[in-house]
Amino acid sequence: MKTNSLRTLFITREVPYPPRGGASLRNWQNINIINQYGPVAVFSASNWTPDYTSIPGVQVWQHQNVATQRQPLEKVARRLWWLRPLADPDTDWSYSHTAAENLDQLIKTFAPNLVICKELWVYRYLKTIKRHSCPIIFDDYNVESVLFSQNHHSPPNLKARLKATIQLGRIQAIERDFIRQCQQVWACSAEDAQLLQQLYPHPVPIHVIPNSIDVDYYHGVSSGQISPPPELNHHSQTIVFIGQLSYPPNTVAGELLVTEIYPRLRQQYPQCRLIIVGRNPSPTMLAAAAQNPGITITGSVPDVRPYLAAASIILVPLLQGSGTRLKILEAFAANRPVVSTAKGAEGINAIDGEHLLIGNTIDELVAGVTQLWSNPELAAKLAANAYQLVQAEYSWAAVQQRVETAILPLLDGRID
């Protein structure tokens, strides 16, 4: 598609730059791909204010701190969310009436040809967008209703069970209505696309736009130009797990690492290390690190590449979740071998024994790690094959053609 006149507005509930974690990495991917066809504007809404006012490559960025904008009646309405139709605490989190008015003005002044709504949680802004004649794409990073069911399968008491039942119904209704009102849906994987079609049969086209990464950004890890942090000098038996640790699937995985997997590995490799990278670690993780000097919990870091450089293996013991795991693609791009559950590698065209090792039990995950530590040639082979895979299928350049194919039918007569 040869044009530089496409005007695209992204709407997201978080600041997309710097990209930290899966959702922001996906946002950054799509912003950079779409930016090749013309100006991009970003409207973001959250409960904090960043200390910078521009985003590289973005012509217009308007951020809303909705926590400072809400009027008293809005705050009351948030607390009574279950009394309002199609309301949910997570869709309320990034919304205010003032922000919606500012979005309306931004659409008038920027005049986009295309609006891309990032994730289900910006649903409340849909009414404002629909006042204008822009085609709308719903970029469904996760099938949130399925993810919610996984994360709340056993509420601890009757009150929690009632709340979870109500909230699941709302998320399903919002997901259904969002799909109904947009012109196109993007899913991270064929598995997620199939799930959406089963849950919400509707003639709206669903396109698989895989998660992808800027592979060149990680070249310094594989080349040795980027070193581990000084306090984590290179060690041949270092496991690394990366993720936003308050996200329930990552919480479960991180706690599994410190309570089950790492203690087992230390029995065979007393000097091995575990590094868990990400914000909001749980008390269980922090307690384990306090008791064991071999465990490092970094908290939020400005750049994950030094921690990838410290890894001899990236371990992904995820038991829940949807979409595709950008942490695995980052490891592939950094030329680091991966051991993962099947759920962790879901949505990625990686083959067990060719690009990574798959294990679905604690025994199997421990065996995968020990196999690679005892066989460096296999670890190097898997990493090399995985690097070729991420270049061919999950680089920005590889995904760009899928994006073009998806958006072209929406732009007929709208751009030069």
Protein backbone atom coordinates (compact mmCIF):
# COMPACT_ATOMS: atom_id res chain seq x y z
CA MET A 1 0.00 0.00 0.00
CA LYS A 2 1.71 3.18 -1.20
CA THR A 3 0.32 6.18 0.67
CA ASN A 4 1.39 8.69 3.26
CA SER A 5 -2.04 10.26 3.72
CA LEU A 6 -3.68 7.73 6.05
CA ARG A 7 -4.57 9.44 9.34
CA THR A 8 -4.93 6.95 12.19
CA LEU A 9 -6.05 7.52 15.75
CA PHE A 10 -5.15 4.95 18.42
CA ILE A 11 -7.18 4.86 21.62
CA THR A 12 -5.56 3.08 24.53
CA ARG A 13 -6.04 2.96 28.27
CA GLU A 14 -2.32 3.13 28.94
CA VAL A 15 0.65 5.12 27.72
CA PRO A 16 2.14 3.13 24.82
CA TYR A 17 5.68 4.41 25.23
CA PRO A 18 8.12 3.34 26.47
CA PRO A 19 6.76 -0.15 25.73
CA ARG A 20 6.80 -2.28 28.88
CA GLY A 21 4.84 -5.49 28.98
CA GLY A 22 2.69 -7.27 26.45
CA ALA A 23 -0.12 -4.77 25.80
CA SER A 24 2.19 -1.77 25.38
CA LEU A 25 4.56 -3.78 23.15
CA ARG A 26 1.63 -4.68 20.90
CA ASN A 27 0.46 -1.06 20.83
CA TRP A 28 3.96 0.09 19.95
CA GLN A 29 4.15 -2.53 17.19
CA ASN A 30 0.94 -1.37 15.51
CA ILE A 31 1.69 2.33 15.94
CA ASN A 32 5.04 1.88 14.17
CA ILE A 33 3.56 -0.22 11.36
CA ILE A 34 0.65 2.16 10.71
CA ASN A 35 2.95 5.19 11.00
CA GLN A 36 4.50 4.20 7.67
CA TYR A 37 1.24 5.15 5.90
CA GLY A 38 0.68 8.59 7.38
CA PRO A 39 0.25 10.63 10.56
CA VAL A 40 -0.66 8.88 13.80
CA ALA A 41 -2.41 10.34 16.84
CA VAL A 42 -2.71 8.62 20.22
CA PHE A 43 -5.37 9.20 22.85
CA SER A 44 -4.48 7.50 26.14
CA ALA A 45 -6.40 7.48 29.41
CA SER A 46 -5.31 6.18 32.80
CA ASN A 47 -5.03 7.24 36.44
CA TRP A 48 -1.58 8.83 36.29
CA THR A 49 0.28 11.54 34.38
CA PRO A 50 3.59 10.75 32.64
CA ASP A 51 6.47 13.20 33.01
CA TYR A 52 6.94 13.59 29.24
CA THR A 53 4.68 15.09 26.58
CA SER A 54 5.64 13.46 23.29
CA ILE A 55 6.00 9.97 21.80
CA PRO A 56 8.58 9.25 19.05
CA GLY A 57 6.92 9.17 15.63
CA VAL A 58 3.48 10.20 16.92
CA GLN A 59 2.19 13.49 15.51
CA VAL A 60 -0.40 14.14 18.23
CA TRP A 61 -0.51 12.61 21.70
CA GLN A 62 -3.25 13.51 24.12
CA HIS A 63 -3.14 11.87 27.55
CA GLN A 64 -5.94 12.02 30.12
CA ASN A 65 -5.48 11.48 33.84
CA VAL A 66 -9.07 10.48 34.48
CA ALA A 67 -8.54 10.22 38.25
CA THR A 68 -8.17 14.02 38.40
CA GLN A 69 -11.08 14.67 36.02
CA ARG A 70 -13.97 12.77 37.56
CA GLN A 71 -16.80 14.69 39.17
CA PRO A 72 -18.42 13.47 42.42
CA LEU A 73 -21.39 11.90 40.62
CA GLU A 74 -19.03 9.96 38.34
CA LYS A 75 -17.23 8.56 41.38
CA VAL A 76 -20.54 7.42 42.87
CA ALA A 77 -21.57 5.82 39.57
CA ARG A 78 -18.28 3.89 39.47
CA ARG A 79 -18.95 2.39 42.89
CA LEU A 80 -22.46 1.37 41.76
CA TRP A 81 -21.30 -0.14 38.47
CA TRP A 82 -23.50 -3.26 38.81
CA LEU A 83 -26.63 -1.07 38.65
CA ARG A 84 -25.68 0.37 35.24
CA PRO A 85 -26.24 -1.60 32.03
CA LEU A 86 -23.07 -2.59 30.15
CA ALA A 87 -20.88 -1.29 32.98
CA ASP A 88 -17.77 -2.94 34.38
CA PRO A 89 -15.10 -1.74 36.84
CA ASP A 90 -12.30 -2.18 34.30
CA THR A 91 -14.03 -0.23 31.53
CA ASP A 92 -14.83 2.50 34.08
CA TRP A 93 -11.20 2.64 35.25
CA SER A 94 -9.93 4.64 32.24
CA TYR A 95 -13.03 6.76 31.60
CA SER A 96 -14.27 10.21 32.53
CA HIS A 97 -16.82 12.50 30.90
CA THR A 98 -14.14 15.18 30.54
CA ALA A 99 -11.83 12.75 28.73
CA ALA A 100 -14.67 11.77 26.38
CA GLU A 101 -15.27 15.45 25.54
CA ASN A 102 -11.56 15.90 24.87
CA LEU A 103 -11.57 12.83 22.62
CA ASP A 104 -14.50 14.25 20.66
CA GLN A 105 -12.55 17.45 20.07
CA LEU A 106 -9.42 15.52 19.08
CA ILE A 107 -11.35 13.55 16.45
CA LYS A 108 -12.71 16.81 15.03
CA THR A 109 -9.29 18.44 14.78
CA PHE A 110 -7.16 15.44 13.76
CA ALA A 111 -9.83 14.10 11.36
CA PRO A 112 -8.71 10.44 11.28
CA ASN A 113 -9.50 8.07 8.41
CA LEU A 114 -9.26 5.15 10.82
CA VAL A 115 -9.66 4.61 14.57
CA ILE A 116 -8.02 1.63 16.31
CA CYS A 117 -9.33 0.86 19.80
CA LYS A 118 -6.74 -1.00 21.82
CA GLU A 119 -8.32 -3.60 24.12
CA LEU A 120 -11.82 -4.05 25.46
CA TRP A 121 -11.29 -1.59 28.31
CA VAL A 122 -11.71 1.55 26.15
CA TYR A 123 -15.30 0.47 25.39
CA ARG A 124 -16.90 3.49 27.08
CA TYR A 125 -15.29 5.80 24.52
CA LEU A 126 -17.02 3.96 21.67
CA LYS A 127 -20.11 6.17 21.94
CA THR A 128 -17.94 9.25 21.36
CA ILE A 129 -16.15 7.70 18.39
CA LYS A 130 -19.43 6.64 16.77
CA ARG A 131 -20.50 10.29 16.47
CA HIS A 132 -17.97 10.51 13.65
CA SER A 133 -17.81 8.57 10.41
CA CYS A 134 -14.47 6.81 10.96
CA PRO A 135 -14.11 3.05 10.45
CA ILE A 136 -13.35 1.42 13.80
CA ILE A 137 -11.01 -1.51 14.43
CA PHE A 138 -11.25 -3.33 17.77
CA ASP A 139 -7.78 -4.70 18.56
CA ASP A 140 -8.69 -7.47 21.00
CA TYR A 141 -5.41 -8.16 22.79
CA ASN A 142 -7.05 -10.89 24.89
CA VAL A 143 -10.40 -12.64 24.73
CA GLU A 144 -11.18 -11.01 28.05
CA SER A 145 -14.26 -13.05 28.94
CA VAL A 146 -12.28 -16.30 28.64
CA LEU A 147 -9.34 -14.84 30.56
CA PHE A 148 -11.66 -13.60 33.31
CA SER A 149 -13.18 -17.09 33.63
CA GLN A 150 -9.71 -18.60 33.96
CA ASN A 151 -8.65 -16.09 36.61
CA HIS A 152 -11.86 -16.40 38.69
CA HIS A 153 -12.69 -20.09 38.41
CA SER A 154 -12.86 -20.60 42.19
CA PRO A 155 -13.89 -17.45 44.14
CA PRO A 156 -13.12 -17.79 47.86
CA ASN A 157 -16.61 -16.91 49.19
CA LEU A 158 -20.21 -16.22 48.24
CA LYS A 159 -19.72 -12.46 47.84
CA ALA A 160 -16.74 -12.93 45.54
CA ARG A 161 -18.60 -15.60 43.57
CA LEU A 162 -21.60 -13.28 43.07
CA LYS A 163 -19.38 -10.40 41.96
CA ALA A 164 -17.46 -12.64 39.55
CA THR A 165 -20.70 -13.97 38.05
CA ILE A 166 -22.05 -10.46 37.48
CA GLN A 167 -18.77 -9.18 36.12
CA LEU A 168 -18.31 -12.09 33.72
CA GLY A 169 -21.77 -11.46 32.29
CA ARG A 170 -20.92 -7.79 31.80
CA ILE A 171 -17.60 -8.53 30.12
CA GLN A 172 -19.29 -10.94 27.74
CA ALA A 173 -22.00 -8.38 26.92
CA ILE A 174 -19.43 -5.61 26.38
CA GLU A 175 -17.25 -7.83 24.20
CA ARG A 176 -20.29 -8.77 22.11
CA ASP A 177 -21.42 -5.14 21.72
CA PHE A 178 -17.93 -3.87 20.89
CA ILE A 179 -17.61 -6.43 18.10
CA ARG A 180 -21.10 -5.58 16.82
CA GLN A 181 -20.35 -1.86 16.60
CA CYS A 182 -16.94 -1.95 14.93
CA GLN A 183 -16.03 -2.65 11.31
CA GLN A 184 -13.21 -5.09 12.00
CA VAL A 185 -11.63 -7.10 14.82
CA TRP A 186 -7.95 -7.94 15.23
CA ALA A 187 -6.94 -11.03 17.20
CA CYS A 188 -3.43 -12.00 18.32
CA SER A 189 -3.66 -15.60 17.17
CA ALA A 190 -5.74 -18.03 15.15
CA GLU A 191 -6.81 -19.62 18.44
CA ASP A 192 -8.19 -16.32 19.72
CA ALA A 193 -9.90 -15.60 16.39
CA GLN A 194 -11.63 -18.97 16.54
CA LEU A 195 -12.71 -18.34 20.13
CA LEU A 196 -14.24 -14.99 19.19
CA GLN A 197 -16.14 -16.54 16.29
CA GLN A 198 -17.50 -19.26 18.55
CA LEU A 199 -18.50 -16.90 21.35
CA TYR A 200 -19.88 -14.04 19.27
CA PRO A 201 -21.01 -15.21 15.82
CA HIS A 202 -21.20 -12.05 13.75
CA PRO A 203 -20.33 -11.06 10.16
CA VAL A 204 -17.68 -8.53 11.27
CA PRO A 205 -14.34 -9.64 9.74
CA ILE A 206 -11.75 -10.97 12.20
CA HIS A 207 -8.12 -10.69 11.13
CA VAL A 208 -5.19 -12.38 12.84
CA ILE A 209 -2.55 -9.71 13.48
CA PRO A 210 0.12 -11.55 15.47
CA ASN A 211 2.09 -9.94 18.24
CA SER A 212 5.45 -8.97 16.82
CA ILE A 213 8.57 -7.14 17.90
CA ASP A 214 11.32 -4.94 16.58
CA VAL A 215 13.86 -7.75 16.20
CA ASP A 216 16.76 -5.33 15.62
CA TYR A 217 16.14 -3.81 19.06
CA TYR A 218 17.36 -7.05 20.67
CA HIS A 219 20.42 -7.54 18.47
CA GLY A 220 22.71 -6.12 21.15
CA VAL A 221 21.84 -9.03 23.44
CA SER A 222 22.76 -11.77 21.00
CA SER A 223 25.87 -9.89 19.82
CA GLY A 224 27.12 -9.33 23.37
CA GLN A 225 26.98 -5.53 23.06
CA ILE A 226 24.43 -5.42 25.87
CA SER A 227 25.71 -6.86 29.14
CA PRO A 228 23.85 -8.09 32.21
CA PRO A 229 23.37 -5.57 35.02
CA PRO A 230 26.59 -5.20 37.06
CA GLU A 231 25.05 -6.88 40.10
CA LEU A 232 24.04 -9.87 37.94
CA ASN A 233 27.26 -10.80 36.20
CA HIS A 234 27.06 -13.66 33.73
CA HIS A 235 26.29 -17.06 35.20
CA SER A 236 25.81 -20.20 33.12
CA GLN A 237 22.79 -21.38 35.13
CA THR A 238 20.42 -18.42 35.24
CA ILE A 239 16.65 -18.65 34.73
CA VAL A 240 14.77 -15.47 33.85
CA PHE A 241 11.03 -14.82 33.85
CA ILE A 242 9.68 -11.48 32.57
CA GLY A 243 6.18 -10.11 32.98
CA GLN A 244 3.86 -7.67 34.67
CA LEU A 245 3.54 -9.56 37.93
CA SER A 246 0.16 -8.22 39.05
CA TYR A 247 -1.39 -9.78 35.92
CA PRO A 248 -2.97 -12.95 37.37
CA PRO A 249 -1.45 -15.51 34.94
CA ASN A 250 2.00 -14.00 35.58
CA THR A 251 1.38 -13.98 39.35
CA VAL A 252 0.60 -17.69 39.28
CA ALA A 253 3.66 -18.41 37.12
CA GLY A 254 6.01 -16.33 39.28
CA GLU A 255 4.83 -17.98 42.48
CA LEU A 256 5.17 -21.40 40.88
CA LEU A 257 8.78 -20.54 40.05
CA VAL A 258 9.76 -19.51 43.57
CA THR A 259 7.84 -22.21 45.47
CA GLU A 260 8.11 -25.27 43.22
CA ILE A 261 10.41 -25.05 40.22
CA TYR A 262 13.44 -23.18 41.53
CA PRO A 263 13.74 -25.26 44.76
CA ARG A 264 13.74 -28.41 42.63
CA LEU A 265 16.44 -27.04 40.33
CA ARG A 266 18.63 -26.03 43.27
CA GLN A 267 18.74 -29.63 44.41
CA GLN A 268 20.65 -30.47 41.22
CA TYR A 269 22.33 -27.09 40.63
CA PRO A 270 23.00 -25.44 44.03
CA GLN A 271 24.51 -22.32 42.42
CA CYS A 272 21.70 -21.66 39.92
CA ARG A 273 19.91 -18.31 39.94
CA LEU A 274 16.34 -17.17 39.33
CA ILE A 275 15.63 -13.61 38.17
CA ILE A 276 12.01 -12.42 38.02
CA VAL A 277 11.64 -9.14 36.14
CA GLY A 278 8.52 -7.00 36.32
CA ARG A 279 6.48 -4.58 38.37
CA ASN A 280 4.21 -5.44 41.29
CA PRO A 281 5.70 -8.73 42.51
CA SER A 282 3.51 -10.62 44.98
CA PRO A 283 4.33 -11.01 48.69
CA THR A 284 5.12 -14.68 48.04
CA MET A 285 7.78 -13.75 45.49
CA LEU A 286 9.29 -11.06 47.72
CA ALA A 287 9.37 -13.40 50.72
CA ALA A 288 11.14 -16.09 48.68
CA ALA A 289 13.76 -13.59 47.51
CA ALA A 290 14.33 -12.40 51.08
CA GLN A 291 14.99 -15.96 52.21
CA ASN A 292 17.11 -17.10 49.26
CA PRO A 293 20.00 -15.06 47.83
CA GLY A 294 19.74 -17.02 44.59
CA ILE A 295 16.40 -15.34 43.79
CA THR A 296 16.36 -11.77 42.47
CA ILE A 297 13.11 -9.79 42.11
CA THR A 298 13.89 -6.64 40.14
CA GLY A 299 10.58 -4.79 40.16
CA SER A 300 9.96 -2.45 37.23
CA VAL A 301 12.98 -1.92 34.97
CA PRO A 302 13.48 0.66 32.19
CA ASP A 303 14.93 -1.92 29.77
CA VAL A 304 14.55 -5.72 29.83
CA ARG A 305 17.49 -6.37 27.49
CA PRO A 306 20.20 -6.51 30.19
CA TYR A 307 18.12 -9.15 31.99
CA LEU A 308 17.73 -11.12 28.78
CA ALA A 309 21.52 -10.89 28.50
CA ALA A 310 21.81 -12.39 32.00
CA ALA A 311 19.64 -15.40 31.09
CA SER A 312 20.89 -18.80 30.11
CA ILE A 313 17.23 -19.90 29.82
CA ILE A 314 13.94 -18.01 29.63
CA LEU A 315 11.36 -20.04 31.54
CA VAL A 316 7.64 -19.41 30.93
CA PRO A 317 5.53 -21.63 33.25
CA LEU A 318 2.19 -20.02 32.34
CA LEU A 319 -0.95 -22.02 33.11
CA GLN A 320 -3.51 -19.37 32.09
CA GLY A 321 -3.99 -16.56 29.60
CA SER A 322 -4.83 -15.89 25.97
CA GLY A 323 -3.18 -14.11 23.06
CA THR A 324 0.48 -14.74 22.35
CA ARG A 325 3.35 -14.23 24.75
CA LEU A 326 5.62 -11.37 23.74
CA LYS A 327 8.08 -12.50 26.43
CA ILE A 328 8.78 -15.58 24.28
CA LEU A 329 9.21 -13.52 21.12
CA GLU A 330 11.63 -11.25 22.99
CA ALA A 331 13.64 -14.30 24.06
CA PHE A 332 13.68 -15.62 20.49
CA ALA A 333 14.91 -12.24 19.18
CA ALA A 334 17.59 -12.11 21.88
CA ASN A 335 18.82 -15.58 20.90
CA ARG A 336 17.96 -17.07 24.27
CA PRO A 337 16.66 -20.66 24.61
CA VAL A 338 13.13 -21.05 25.99
CA VAL A 339 11.39 -23.66 28.13
CA SER A 340 7.63 -23.10 28.33
CA THR A 341 4.29 -24.70 28.96
CA ALA A 342 2.06 -25.27 25.95
CA LYS A 343 -0.19 -22.48 27.26
CA GLY A 344 2.79 -20.15 27.44
CA ALA A 345 3.69 -20.82 23.80
CA GLU A 346 0.08 -20.76 22.58
CA GLY A 347 -0.47 -18.80 19.39
CA ILE A 348 3.18 -18.99 18.30
CA ASN A 349 4.13 -21.33 15.46
CA ALA A 350 6.96 -22.84 17.47
CA ILE A 351 7.64 -26.59 17.50
CA ASP A 352 8.67 -28.49 20.61
CA GLY A 353 12.24 -29.71 20.20
CA GLU A 354 12.91 -27.42 17.24
CA HIS A 355 12.40 -23.87 18.55
CA LEU A 356 11.91 -24.44 22.30
CA LEU A 357 11.14 -27.14 24.83
CA ILE A 358 7.57 -27.66 26.05
CA GLY A 359 6.68 -29.01 29.49
CA ASN A 360 3.27 -28.98 31.11
CA THR A 361 4.08 -30.23 34.60
CA ILE A 362 6.65 -29.17 37.17
CA ASP A 363 8.62 -32.35 36.46
CA GLU A 364 8.62 -31.66 32.72
CA LEU A 365 9.65 -28.00 33.12
CA VAL A 366 12.48 -28.92 35.48
CA ALA A 367 13.58 -31.66 33.07
CA GLY A 368 13.57 -29.16 30.18
CA VAL A 369 15.82 -26.75 32.04
CA THR A 370 18.26 -29.47 33.12
CA GLN A 371 18.34 -30.87 29.59
CA LEU A 372 19.45 -27.51 28.18
CA TRP A 373 21.95 -26.84 30.94
CA SER A 374 23.52 -30.25 30.37
CA ASN A 375 23.43 -29.94 26.57
CA PRO A 376 24.63 -26.47 25.45
CA GLU A 377 24.64 -27.57 21.81
CA LEU A 378 20.88 -28.25 21.94
CA ALA A 379 20.28 -24.91 23.67
CA ALA A 380 22.22 -23.10 20.92
CA LYS A 381 20.35 -25.00 18.18
CA LEU A 382 16.93 -24.13 19.62
CA ALA A 383 17.89 -20.48 20.02
CA ALA A 384 19.17 -20.25 16.43
CA ASN A 385 16.02 -21.86 15.01
CA ALA A 386 13.82 -19.63 17.15
CA TYR A 387 15.64 -16.52 15.92
CA GLN A 388 14.94 -17.51 12.32
CA LEU A 389 11.27 -18.06 13.21
CA VAL A 390 10.82 -14.67 14.86
CA GLN A 391 12.48 -12.96 11.90
CA ALA A 392 10.28 -14.74 9.38
CA GLU A 393 6.90 -14.55 11.14
CA TYR A 394 6.93 -12.20 14.13
CA SER A 395 9.03 -9.20 13.13
CA TRP A 396 7.36 -5.87 12.39
CA ALA A 397 8.22 -6.32 8.72
CA ALA A 398 6.58 -9.76 8.65
CA VAL A 399 3.35 -8.52 10.26
CA GLN A 400 3.11 -5.37 8.13
CA GLN A 401 1.62 -7.26 5.18
CA ARG A 402 -1.14 -8.66 7.39
CA VAL A 403 -1.98 -5.15 8.59
CA GLU A 404 -2.14 -3.86 5.01
CA THR A 405 -4.45 -6.69 3.98
CA ALA A 406 -6.72 -5.96 6.94
CA ILE A 407 -7.06 -2.20 6.58
CA LEU A 408 -7.28 -1.82 2.80
CA PRO A 409 -11.02 -2.74 2.56
CA LEU A 410 -11.83 -0.09 5.19
CA LEU A 411 -10.11 2.75 3.32
CA ASP A 412 -11.80 2.60 -0.07
CA GLY A 413 -12.16 6.23 -1.21
CA ARG A 414 -10.94 7.64 2.12
CA ILE A 415 -7.28 8.27 1.22
CA ASP A 416 -5.29 9.28 -1.86
